[in-house]
Protein backbone atom coordinates (compact mmCIF):
# COMPACT_ATOMS: atom_id res chain seq x y z
CA MET A 1 -0.15 21.82 -27.07
CA GLU A 2 -1.68 18.86 -25.23
CA THR A 3 0.85 16.47 -26.77
CA TYR A 4 3.70 18.75 -25.72
CA GLU A 5 2.43 18.89 -22.14
CA GLU A 6 2.10 15.10 -22.01
CA LYS A 7 5.71 14.68 -23.16
CA ALA A 8 7.27 17.57 -21.25
CA TYR A 9 5.34 17.14 -18.00
CA PRO A 10 4.27 13.51 -17.69
CA ILE A 11 2.04 12.65 -14.77
CA ASP A 12 2.97 9.41 -13.06
CA PRO A 13 0.09 7.15 -12.12
CA PRO A 14 -0.61 7.11 -8.39
CA ASP A 15 0.78 4.41 -6.14
CA ALA A 16 -1.60 1.67 -5.01
CA ILE A 17 -2.44 3.21 -1.62
CA ALA A 18 -3.12 6.66 -3.08
CA ALA A 19 -5.41 5.07 -5.68
CA LEU A 20 -7.15 3.05 -2.98
CA ARG A 21 -7.72 6.16 -0.85
CA PHE A 22 -9.09 7.99 -3.90
CA ARG A 23 -11.49 5.11 -4.63
CA MET A 24 -12.60 5.15 -0.99
CA GLU A 25 -13.31 8.87 -1.26
CA GLN A 26 -15.18 8.43 -4.55
CA ASP A 27 -17.38 5.63 -3.24
CA GLY A 28 -17.79 7.00 0.29
CA LEU A 29 -16.05 3.99 1.80
CA LYS A 30 -14.64 3.80 5.29
CA PRO A 31 -11.67 1.65 6.34
CA LYS A 32 -14.03 -0.98 7.77
CA ASP A 33 -15.50 -1.41 4.26
CA LEU A 34 -12.12 -2.71 3.08
CA ILE A 35 -12.08 -5.68 5.47
CA PRO A 36 -13.53 -8.10 2.85
CA TYR A 37 -10.72 -7.15 0.44
CA ILE A 38 -7.73 -6.74 2.75
CA GLY A 39 -8.49 -8.76 5.84
CA SER A 40 -8.77 -7.74 9.47
CA LYS A 41 -9.25 -4.22 10.76
CA SER A 42 -5.60 -4.09 11.82
CA LYS A 43 -4.41 -5.17 8.34
CA VAL A 44 -6.53 -2.46 6.75
CA SER A 45 -5.00 0.09 9.10
CA GLU A 46 -1.46 -1.11 8.36
CA VAL A 47 -2.04 -1.03 4.59
CA LEU A 48 -3.58 2.44 4.61
CA SER A 49 -0.78 3.81 6.81
CA GLY A 50 1.88 2.31 4.55
CA ARG A 51 3.29 -0.11 7.11
CA ARG A 52 2.14 -3.24 5.25
CA PRO A 53 2.37 -3.84 1.49
CA LEU A 54 -0.59 -5.16 -0.46
CA SER A 55 -0.35 -8.89 -1.04
CA LEU A 56 -1.24 -10.44 -4.37
CA THR A 57 -4.46 -11.82 -2.86
CA MET A 58 -5.43 -8.34 -1.60
CA ILE A 59 -4.67 -6.83 -5.00
CA ARG A 60 -6.83 -9.41 -6.78
CA LYS A 61 -9.75 -8.73 -4.44
CA LEU A 62 -9.40 -4.95 -4.79
CA VAL A 63 -9.20 -5.16 -8.58
CA SER A 64 -12.28 -7.37 -8.88
CA GLY A 65 -14.32 -5.90 -6.02
CA LEU A 66 -13.54 -2.19 -6.14
CA HIS A 67 -12.52 -2.09 -9.82
CA LEU A 68 -9.14 -0.62 -8.94
CA PRO A 69 -7.02 -0.66 -12.13
CA ALA A 70 -4.62 -3.62 -11.98
CA GLU A 71 -1.67 -1.61 -13.33
CA VAL A 72 -2.12 0.86 -10.46
CA ALA A 73 -2.76 -1.76 -7.80
CA LEU A 74 0.43 -3.58 -8.76
CA ARG A 75 2.61 -0.47 -8.40
CA LYS A 76 4.87 -0.43 -5.38
CA SER A 77 3.70 1.87 -2.64
CA LYS A 78 6.04 4.02 -0.66
CA MET A 79 6.42 2.07 2.56
CA ARG A 80 6.73 4.00 5.77
CA PRO A 81 9.59 2.91 7.95
CA GLY A 82 8.25 0.96 10.86
CA ARG A 83 9.50 -1.29 13.54
CA HIS A 84 11.78 -3.95 12.24
CA THR A 85 13.45 -6.77 14.05
CA VAL A 86 17.16 -6.70 13.54
CA LYS A 87 19.54 -9.34 14.75
CA ALA A 88 22.54 -7.85 16.47
CA ARG A 89 25.61 -9.77 17.47
CA THR A 90 26.46 -9.31 21.10
CA SER A 91 29.23 -11.19 22.84
CA GLY A 92 29.34 -14.00 20.31
CA ARG A 93 25.54 -14.52 20.18
CA TRP A 94 22.85 -13.18 17.90
CA GLN A 95 20.12 -11.29 19.68
CA ALA A 96 16.89 -9.86 18.28
CA THR A 97 16.40 -6.17 18.94
CA ALA A 98 13.51 -3.92 17.95
CA THR A 99 14.41 -0.74 16.12
CA ARG A 100 12.40 2.09 14.87
């Protein structure tokens, strides 16, 4: 029965941010505790909110420091749409505009 359930209803591993949040909950960590692994307070906030992807350096530090599984940490997270700079052509010139 267990084999059938594994084949019929596979459970995908969590994305990197979900796994990181779970590890934080397990170890009683707060966002400020991630600064040594991710960088500044603002980077931690952006990563946890899904506005910034984990860099390879961040992943290495999280894998070695928090023992986050590498195969999970390397999975792409679902990025939240944020502000992007888009170049729009207006009257023969390219102009940067912020969009949401």
